[in-house]
PDB file of N, CA and C in Angstrom:
ATOM      1  N   LYS A   1     108.104 -11.676  45.263  1.00  0.00           N
ATOM      2  CA  LYS A   1     108.270 -12.920  44.686  1.00  0.00           C
ATOM      3  C   LYS A   1     108.623 -12.716  43.052  1.00  0.00           C
ATOM      4  N   GLY A   2     109.438 -13.620  42.800  1.00  0.00           N
ATOM      5  CA  GLY A   2     110.171 -13.280  41.399  1.00  0.00           C
ATOM      6  C   GLY A   2     111.374 -12.477  41.540  1.00  0.00           C
ATOM      7  N   SER A   3     111.805 -12.123  40.305  1.00  0.00           N
ATOM      8  CA  SER A   3     113.059 -11.297  40.269  1.00  0.00           C
ATOM      9  C   SER A   3     112.884  -9.890  40.221  1.00  0.00           C
ATOM     10  N   LYS A   4     113.694  -8.943  40.556  1.00  0.00           N
ATOM     11  CA  LYS A   4     113.400  -7.629  40.480  1.00  0.00           C
ATOM     12  C   LYS A   4     113.670  -6.981  39.146  1.00  0.00           C
ATOM     13  N   ARG A   5     113.112  -6.175  38.753  1.00  0.00           N
ATOM     14  CA  ARG A   5     113.363  -5.551  37.388  1.00  0.00           C
ATOM     15  C   ARG A   5     114.615  -4.727  37.472  1.00  0.00           C
ATOM     16  N   GLN A   6     115.600  -4.679  36.538  1.00  0.00           N
ATOM     17  CA  GLN A   6     116.890  -4.041  36.522  1.00  0.00           C
ATOM     18  C   GLN A   6     116.580  -2.705  35.983  1.00  0.00           C
ATOM     19  N   TYR A   7     117.091  -1.627  36.728  1.00  0.00           N
ATOM     20  CA  TYR A   7     117.083  -0.304  36.156  1.00  0.00           C
ATOM     21  C   TYR A   7     118.225   0.087  35.110  1.00  0.00           C
ATOM     22  N   VAL A   8     117.646   0.358  33.973  1.00  0.00           N
ATOM     23  CA  VAL A   8     118.316   0.846  32.732  1.00  0.00           C
ATOM     24  C   VAL A   8     118.699   2.247  32.800  1.00  0.00           C
ATOM     25  N   LYS A   9     120.091   2.463  32.873  1.00  0.00           N
ATOM     26  CA  LYS A   9     120.667   3.765  32.724  1.00  0.00           C
ATOM     27  C   LYS A   9     120.475   4.215  31.430  1.00  0.00           C
ATOM     28  N   THR A  10     119.780   5.388  31.290  1.00  0.00           N
ATOM     29  CA  THR A  10     119.626   6.195  29.807  1.00  0.00           C
ATOM     30  C   THR A  10     119.966   7.501  29.844  1.00  0.00           C
ATOM     31  N   ARG A  11     120.712   7.919  28.915  1.00  0.00           N
ATOM     32  CA  ARG A  11     121.283   9.164  28.732  1.00  0.00           C
ATOM     33  C   ARG A  11     120.462   9.821  27.486  1.00  0.00           C
ATOM     34  N   THR A  12     119.817  10.914  27.563  1.00  0.00           N
ATOM     35  CA  THR A  12     119.078  11.655  26.719  1.00  0.00           C
ATOM     36  C   THR A  12     119.600  13.064  26.610  1.00  0.00           C
ATOM     37  N   ASP A  13     120.857  13.222  26.682  1.00  0.00           N
ATOM     38  CA  ASP A  13     121.420  14.772  26.801  1.00  0.00           C
ATOM     39  C   ASP A  13     121.910  14.978  25.551  1.00  0.00           C
ATOM     40  N   HIS A  14     121.588  14.406  24.307  1.00  0.00           N
ATOM     41  CA  HIS A  14     121.910  14.808  23.060  1.00  0.00           C
ATOM     42  C   HIS A  14     120.653  15.089  22.366  1.00  0.00           C
ATOM     43  N   PRO A  15     120.926  15.977  21.309  1.00  0.00           N
ATOM     44  CA  PRO A  15     119.535  16.332  20.733  1.00  0.00           C
ATOM     45  C   PRO A  15     119.009  15.218  19.625  1.00  0.00           C
ATOM     46  N   LEU A  16     119.839  14.365  19.290  1.00  0.00           N
ATOM     47  CA  LEU A  16     119.354  13.330  18.227  1.00  0.00           C
ATOM     48  C   LEU A  16     119.470  11.840  18.737  1.00  0.00           C
ATOM     49  N   VAL A  17     120.414  11.444  19.817  1.00  0.00           N
ATOM     50  CA  VAL A  17     120.761  10.248  20.141  1.00  0.00           C
ATOM     51  C   VAL A  17     120.234   9.956  21.677  1.00  0.00           C
ATOM     52  N   ILE A  18     120.008   8.548  21.800  1.00  0.00           N
ATOM     53  CA  ILE A  18     119.708   8.133  23.124  1.00  0.00           C
ATOM     54  C   ILE A  18     120.789   6.998  23.427  1.00  0.00           C
ATOM     55  N   PHE A  19     121.379   7.004  24.617  1.00  0.00           N
ATOM     56  CA  PHE A  19     122.373   6.152  24.916  1.00  0.00           C
ATOM     57  C   PHE A  19     121.830   5.281  26.146  1.00  0.00           C
ATOM     58  N   GLU A  20     121.581   3.939  25.866  1.00  0.00           N
ATOM     59  CA  GLU A  20     121.162   2.995  26.909  1.00  0.00           C
ATOM     60  C   GLU A  20     122.187   2.211  27.313  1.00  0.00           C
ATOM     61  N   GLU A  21     123.009   2.725  28.415  1.00  0.00           N
ATOM     62  CA  GLU A  21     123.951   1.880  29.090  1.00  0.00           C
ATOM     63  C   GLU A  21     123.877   0.487  29.224  1.00  0.00           C
ATOM     64  N   GLY A  22     122.892   0.083  29.712  1.00  0.00           N
ATOM     65  CA  GLY A  22     122.385  -1.434  29.943  1.00  0.00           C
ATOM     66  C   GLY A  22     122.653  -2.278  28.835  1.00  0.00           C
ATOM     67  N   LYS A  23     122.429  -1.810  27.515  1.00  0.00           N
ATOM     68  CA  LYS A  23     122.545  -2.566  26.222  1.00  0.00           C
ATOM     69  C   LYS A  23     123.959  -2.704  25.895  1.00  0.00           C
ATOM     70  N   CYS A  24     124.892  -1.747  26.267  1.00  0.00           N
ATOM     71  CA  CYS A  24     126.179  -1.650  25.970  1.00  0.00           C
ATOM     72  C   CYS A  24     126.901  -2.957  26.156  1.00  0.00           C
ATOM     73  N   ILE A  25     127.732  -3.436  25.195  1.00  0.00           N
ATOM     74  CA  ILE A  25     128.733  -4.511  25.553  1.00  0.00           C
ATOM     75  C   ILE A  25     130.131  -4.225  25.667  1.00  0.00           C
ATOM     76  N   GLN A  26     130.295  -3.089  25.652  1.00  0.00           N
ATOM     77  CA  GLN A  26     131.774  -2.475  25.686  1.00  0.00           C
ATOM     78  C   GLN A  26     132.760  -2.959  24.553  1.00  0.00           C
ATOM     79  N   CYS A  27     132.209  -2.763  23.330  1.00  0.00           N
ATOM     80  CA  CYS A  27     132.906  -3.477  22.086  1.00  0.00           C
ATOM     81  C   CYS A  27     133.858  -2.404  21.625  1.00  0.00           C
ATOM     82  N   GLY A  28     133.808  -1.131  21.904  1.00  0.00           N
ATOM     83  CA  GLY A  28     134.601   0.065  21.672  1.00  0.00           C
ATOM     84  C   GLY A  28     134.502   0.551  20.231  1.00  0.00           C
ATOM     85  N   LEU A  29     133.544   0.039  19.361  1.00  0.00           N
ATOM     86  CA  LEU A  29     133.440   0.735  18.089  1.00  0.00           C
ATOM     87  C   LEU A  29     133.119   2.224  18.241  1.00  0.00           C
ATOM     88  N   CYS A  30     132.239   2.778  18.946  1.00  0.00           N
ATOM     89  CA  CYS A  30     131.837   4.063  19.039  1.00  0.00           C
ATOM     90  C   CYS A  30     133.116   4.948  19.520  1.00  0.00           C
ATOM     91  N   ILE A  31     133.983   4.245  20.441  1.00  0.00           N
ATOM     92  CA  ILE A  31     134.983   4.975  20.952  1.00  0.00           C
ATOM     93  C   ILE A  31     136.139   5.029  19.901  1.00  0.00           C
ATOM     94  N   ARG A  32     136.392   4.206  18.857  1.00  0.00           N
ATOM     95  CA  ARG A  32     137.212   4.273  17.900  1.00  0.00           C
ATOM     96  C   ARG A  32     136.643   5.172  16.820  1.00  0.00           C
ATOM     97  N   ILE A  33     135.386   5.408  16.602  1.00  0.00           N
ATOM     98  CA  ILE A  33     134.972   6.299  15.660  1.00  0.00           C
ATOM     99  C   ILE A  33     135.055   7.699  16.134  1.00  0.00           C
ATOM    100  N   THR A  34     134.883   8.002  17.328  1.00  0.00           N
ATOM    101  CA  THR A  34     134.916   9.214  17.732  1.00  0.00           C
ATOM    102  C   THR A  34     136.448   9.626  18.029  1.00  0.00           C
ATOM    103  N   GLU A  35     137.425   8.812  18.100  1.00  0.00           N
ATOM    104  CA  GLU A  35     138.601   8.970  18.048  1.00  0.00           C
ATOM    105  C   GLU A  35     139.253   9.153  16.801  1.00  0.00           C
ATOM    106  N   LYS A  36     138.965   8.466  15.800  1.00  0.00           N
ATOM    107  CA  LYS A  36     139.144   8.650  14.392  1.00  0.00           C
ATOM    108  C   LYS A  36     138.694  10.011  13.702  1.00  0.00           C
ATOM    109  N   ALA A  37     137.560  10.373  14.190  1.00  0.00           N
ATOM    110  CA  ALA A  37     136.997  11.466  13.742  1.00  0.00           C
ATOM    111  C   ALA A  37     137.691  12.898  14.421  1.00  0.00           C
ATOM    112  N   GLY A  38     138.303  12.653  15.431  1.00  0.00           N
ATOM    113  CA  GLY A  38     138.997  13.906  16.113  1.00  0.00           C
ATOM    114  C   GLY A  38     137.904  14.600  17.033  1.00  0.00           C
ATOM    115  N   GLU A  39     136.979  13.948  17.759  1.00  0.00           N
ATOM    116  CA  GLU A  39     135.927  14.610  18.484  1.00  0.00           C
ATOM    117  C   GLU A  39     136.716  15.206  19.586  1.00  0.00           C
ATOM    118  N   THR A  40     136.317  16.526  19.991  1.00  0.00           N
ATOM    119  CA  THR A  40     136.804  17.140  21.209  1.00  0.00           C
ATOM    120  C   THR A  40     136.907  16.225  22.343  1.00  0.00           C
ATOM    121  N   TYR A  41     135.677  15.799  22.849  1.00  0.00           N
ATOM    122  CA  TYR A  41     135.797  14.956  24.035  1.00  0.00           C
ATOM    123  C   TYR A  41     135.601  13.245  23.671  1.00  0.00           C
ATOM    124  N   GLY A  42     134.620  13.158  22.648  1.00  0.00           N
ATOM    125  CA  GLY A  42     134.564  11.530  22.177  1.00  0.00           C
ATOM    126  C   GLY A  42     133.996  10.692  23.300  1.00  0.00           C
ATOM    127  N   LEU A  43     134.196   9.358  23.045  1.00  0.00           N
ATOM    128  CA  LEU A  43     133.635   8.559  24.020  1.00  0.00           C
ATOM    129  C   LEU A  43     135.021   7.800  24.538  1.00  0.00           C
ATOM    130  N   THR A  44     134.975   7.225  25.810  1.00  0.00           N
ATOM    131  CA  THR A  44     135.936   6.529  26.244  1.00  0.00           C
ATOM    132  C   THR A  44     135.518   5.577  27.317  1.00  0.00           C
ATOM    133  N   PHE A  45     136.338   4.516  27.778  1.00  0.00           N
ATOM    134  CA  PHE A  45     135.948   3.634  28.614  1.00  0.00           C
ATOM    135  C   PHE A  45     136.198   4.261  30.155  1.00  0.00           C
ATOM    136  N   LEU A  46     135.356   4.258  30.861  1.00  0.00           N
ATOM    137  CA  LEU A  46     135.241   4.914  32.268  1.00  0.00           C
ATOM    138  C   LEU A  46     135.344   3.734  33.376  1.00  0.00           C
ATOM    139  N   GLY A  47     136.063   3.836  34.235  1.00  0.00           N
ATOM    140  CA  GLY A  47     135.923   2.932  35.462  1.00  0.00           C
ATOM    141  C   GLY A  47     137.247   1.787  35.046  1.00  0.00           C
ATOM    142  N   ARG A  48     137.014   0.726  36.013  1.00  0.00           N
ATOM    143  CA  ARG A  48     138.158  -0.221  35.961  1.00  0.00           C
ATOM    144  C   ARG A  48     137.198  -1.636  36.166  1.00  0.00           C
ATOM    145  N   GLY A  49     137.859  -2.724  35.736  1.00  0.00           N
ATOM    146  CA  GLY A  49     137.426  -4.080  35.968  1.00  0.00           C
ATOM    147  C   GLY A  49     136.151  -4.323  35.550  1.00  0.00           C
ATOM    148  N   PHE A  50     135.236  -5.011  36.406  1.00  0.00           N
ATOM    149  CA  PHE A  50     133.890  -5.449  36.126  1.00  0.00           C
ATOM    150  C   PHE A  50     132.963  -4.000  36.144  1.00  0.00           C
ATOM    151  N   ASP A  51     133.512  -2.999  36.565  1.00  0.00           N
ATOM    152  CA  ASP A  51     132.516  -1.759  36.635  1.00  0.00           C
ATOM    153  C   ASP A  51     132.780  -0.785  35.410  1.00  0.00           C
ATOM    154  N   ILE A  52     133.423  -1.353  34.311  1.00  0.00           N
ATOM    155  CA  ILE A  52     133.862  -0.437  33.185  1.00  0.00           C
ATOM    156  C   ILE A  52     132.647   0.021  32.474  1.00  0.00           C
ATOM    157  N   GLU A  53     132.532   1.116  32.026  1.00  0.00           N
ATOM    158  CA  GLU A  53     131.527   1.776  31.095  1.00  0.00           C
ATOM    159  C   GLU A  53     132.028   2.420  29.994  1.00  0.00           C
ATOM    160  N   VAL A  54     131.072   2.884  29.129  1.00  0.00           N
ATOM    161  CA  VAL A  54     131.528   3.759  28.060  1.00  0.00           C
ATOM    162  C   VAL A  54     130.771   4.999  28.145  1.00  0.00           C
ATOM    163  N   GLY A  55     131.394   6.082  28.215  1.00  0.00           N
ATOM    164  CA  GLY A  55     130.935   7.417  28.255  1.00  0.00           C
ATOM    165  C   GLY A  55     131.853   8.560  28.068  1.00  0.00           C
ATOM    166  N   VAL A  56     131.405   9.623  28.170  1.00  0.00           N
ATOM    167  CA  VAL A  56     132.057  10.751  27.774  1.00  0.00           C
ATOM    168  C   VAL A  56     132.984  11.141  29.046  1.00  0.00           C
ATOM    169  N   PRO A  57     134.193  11.634  28.625  1.00  0.00           N
ATOM    170  CA  PRO A  57     135.143  12.020  29.725  1.00  0.00           C
ATOM    171  C   PRO A  57     134.782  13.256  30.430  1.00  0.00           C
ATOM    172  N   LEU A  58     135.407  13.308  31.563  1.00  0.00           N
ATOM    173  CA  LEU A  58     135.137  14.739  32.320  1.00  0.00           C
ATOM    174  C   LEU A  58     133.936  15.110  32.563  1.00  0.00           C
ATOM    175  N   ASN A  59     132.899  14.129  32.767  1.00  0.00           N
ATOM    176  CA  ASN A  59     131.460  14.308  32.978  1.00  0.00           C
ATOM    177  C   ASN A  59     130.889  15.293  32.226  1.00  0.00           C
ATOM    178  N   GLU A  60     131.317  15.367  30.820  1.00  0.00           N
ATOM    179  CA  GLU A  60     130.713  16.234  29.660  1.00  0.00           C
ATOM    180  C   GLU A  60     129.280  15.392  29.387  1.00  0.00           C
ATOM    181  N   SER A  61     128.455  16.170  28.704  1.00  0.00           N
ATOM    182  CA  SER A  61     127.271  15.934  28.115  1.00  0.00           C
ATOM    183  C   SER A  61     127.648  14.883  27.034  1.00  0.00           C
ATOM    184  N   LEU A  62     126.615  13.988  26.651  1.00  0.00           N
ATOM    185  CA  LEU A  62     126.560  13.378  25.523  1.00  0.00           C
ATOM    186  C   LEU A  62     126.634  14.114  24.175  1.00  0.00           C
ATOM    187  N   GLY A  63     126.184  15.255  24.270  1.00  0.00           N
ATOM    188  CA  GLY A  63     126.032  16.257  23.120  1.00  0.00           C
ATOM    189  C   GLY A  63     127.479  16.733  22.707  1.00  0.00           C
ATOM    190  N   ARG A  64     128.274  16.862  23.697  1.00  0.00           N
ATOM    191  CA  ARG A  64     129.568  17.296  23.549  1.00  0.00           C
ATOM    192  C   ARG A  64     130.574  16.198  23.274  1.00  0.00           C
ATOM    193  N   GLY A  65     130.128  15.049  23.523  1.00  0.00           N
ATOM    194  CA  GLY A  65     131.166  13.855  23.071  1.00  0.00           C
ATOM    195  C   GLY A  65     130.545  13.355  21.746  1.00  0.00           C
ATOM    196  N   LEU A  66     129.551  13.523  21.156  1.00  0.00           N
ATOM    197  CA  LEU A  66     129.154  13.047  19.999  1.00  0.00           C
ATOM    198  C   LEU A  66     128.632  14.360  19.035  1.00  0.00           C
ATOM    199  N   GLU A  67     129.716  15.471  18.893  1.00  0.00           N
ATOM    200  CA  GLU A  67     129.184  16.524  18.220  1.00  0.00           C
ATOM    201  C   GLU A  67     129.087  16.133  16.672  1.00  0.00           C
ATOM    202  N   LYS A  68     130.076  15.228  16.083  1.00  0.00           N
ATOM    203  CA  LYS A  68     130.216  15.111  14.754  1.00  0.00           C
ATOM    204  C   LYS A  68     129.840  13.588  14.356  1.00  0.00           C
ATOM    205  N   THR A  69     129.920  12.935  15.288  1.00  0.00           N
ATOM    206  CA  THR A  69     129.970  11.425  14.867  1.00  0.00           C
ATOM    207  C   THR A  69     128.686  10.751  15.401  1.00  0.00           C
ATOM    208  N   ALA A  70     127.697  11.357  15.768  1.00  0.00           N
ATOM    209  CA  ALA A  70     126.444  10.721  16.350  1.00  0.00           C
ATOM    210  C   ALA A  70     125.998   9.568  15.400  1.00  0.00           C
ATOM    211  N   ALA A  71     125.501   9.982  14.212  1.00  0.00           N
ATOM    212  CA  ALA A  71     125.054   9.036  13.181  1.00  0.00           C
ATOM    213  C   ALA A  71     125.903   7.717  12.873  1.00  0.00           C
ATOM    214  N   ALA A  72     127.438   8.110  12.897  1.00  0.00           N
ATOM    215  CA  ALA A  72     128.163   6.985  12.635  1.00  0.00           C
ATOM    216  C   ALA A  72     128.285   5.996  13.801  1.00  0.00           C
ATOM    217  N   CYS A  73     128.023   6.459  14.837  1.00  0.00           N
ATOM    218  CA  CYS A  73     128.202   5.739  16.207  1.00  0.00           C
ATOM    219  C   CYS A  73     126.876   4.823  16.216  1.00  0.00           C
ATOM    220  N   VAL A  74     125.905   5.524  15.699  1.00  0.00           N
ATOM    221  CA  VAL A  74     124.381   4.775  15.804  1.00  0.00           C
ATOM    222  C   VAL A  74     124.436   3.635  14.888  1.00  0.00           C
ATOM    223  N   ALA A  75     125.058   3.887  13.646  1.00  0.00           N
ATOM    224  CA  ALA A  75     125.146   2.725  12.545  1.00  0.00           C
ATOM    225  C   ALA A  75     126.100   1.662  12.869  1.00  0.00           C
ATOM    226  N   ALA A  76     127.220   1.966  13.730  1.00  0.00           N
ATOM    227  CA  ALA A  76     128.128   0.987  14.088  1.00  0.00           C
ATOM    228  C   ALA A  76     127.866   0.227  15.213  1.00  0.00           C
ATOM    229  N   CYS A  77     126.840   0.522  16.216  1.00  0.00           N
ATOM    230  CA  CYS A  77     126.581   0.088  17.621  1.00  0.00           C
ATOM    231  C   CYS A  77     125.799  -1.311  17.196  1.00  0.00           C
ATOM    232  N   PRO A  78     126.497  -2.551  17.745  1.00  0.00           N
ATOM    233  CA  PRO A  78     125.726  -3.669  17.236  1.00  0.00           C
ATOM    234  C   PRO A  78     124.618  -4.252  18.263  1.00  0.00           C
ATOM    235  N   THR A  79     124.417  -3.320  19.271  1.00  0.00           N
ATOM    236  CA  THR A  79     123.218  -3.841  20.297  1.00  0.00           C
ATOM    237  C   THR A  79     122.302  -2.613  20.127  1.00  0.00           C
ATOM    238  N   GLY A  80     122.437  -1.501  19.501  1.00  0.00           N
ATOM    239  CA  GLY A  80     121.385  -0.621  19.561  1.00  0.00           C
ATOM    240  C   GLY A  80     121.461   0.145  20.976  1.00  0.00           C
ATOM    241  N   ALA A  81     122.477   0.095  21.615  1.00  0.00           N
ATOM    242  CA  ALA A  81     122.641   0.963  22.793  1.00  0.00           C
ATOM    243  C   ALA A  81     122.703   2.495  22.521  1.00  0.00           C
ATOM    244  N   ILE A  82     123.229   2.829  21.318  1.00  0.00           N
ATOM    245  CA  ILE A  82     123.180   4.101  20.755  1.00  0.00           C
ATOM    246  C   ILE A  82     122.261   4.081  19.777  1.00  0.00           C
ATOM    247  N   SER A  83     121.173   4.874  19.808  1.00  0.00           N
ATOM    248  CA  SER A  83     120.142   4.991  18.969  1.00  0.00           C
ATOM    249  C   SER A  83     119.528   6.224  18.767  1.00  0.00           C
ATOM    250  N   LEU A  84     118.814   6.453  17.605  1.00  0.00           N
ATOM    251  CA  LEU A  84     118.273   7.813  17.141  1.00  0.00           C
ATOM    252  C   LEU A  84     116.986   7.994  17.958  1.00  0.00           C
ATOM    253  N   LYS A  85     116.751   9.128  18.341  1.00  0.00           N
ATOM    254  CA  LYS A  85     115.463   9.475  19.002  1.00  0.00           C
ATOM    255  C   LYS A  85     114.281   9.265  18.349  1.00  0.00           C
TER     256      LYS A  85
END
């Protein structure tokens, strides 16, 4: 009875950052920051339509995607989906 609790996908494969995908509103700020800084992998939109997510391309770890820009992405995230551990 009542509603079921939603599972929140959390990525902790970065030494400094936690990424809670359920909080992400796909604003694209972190993607622009990683692109502008020239991250090797960075972040990108994955999927299509209603199933779109923000993530690291080619199934790389979050540590590889945010090598230089972790602190800037944490500061820019409006919902706290990317936060410090």
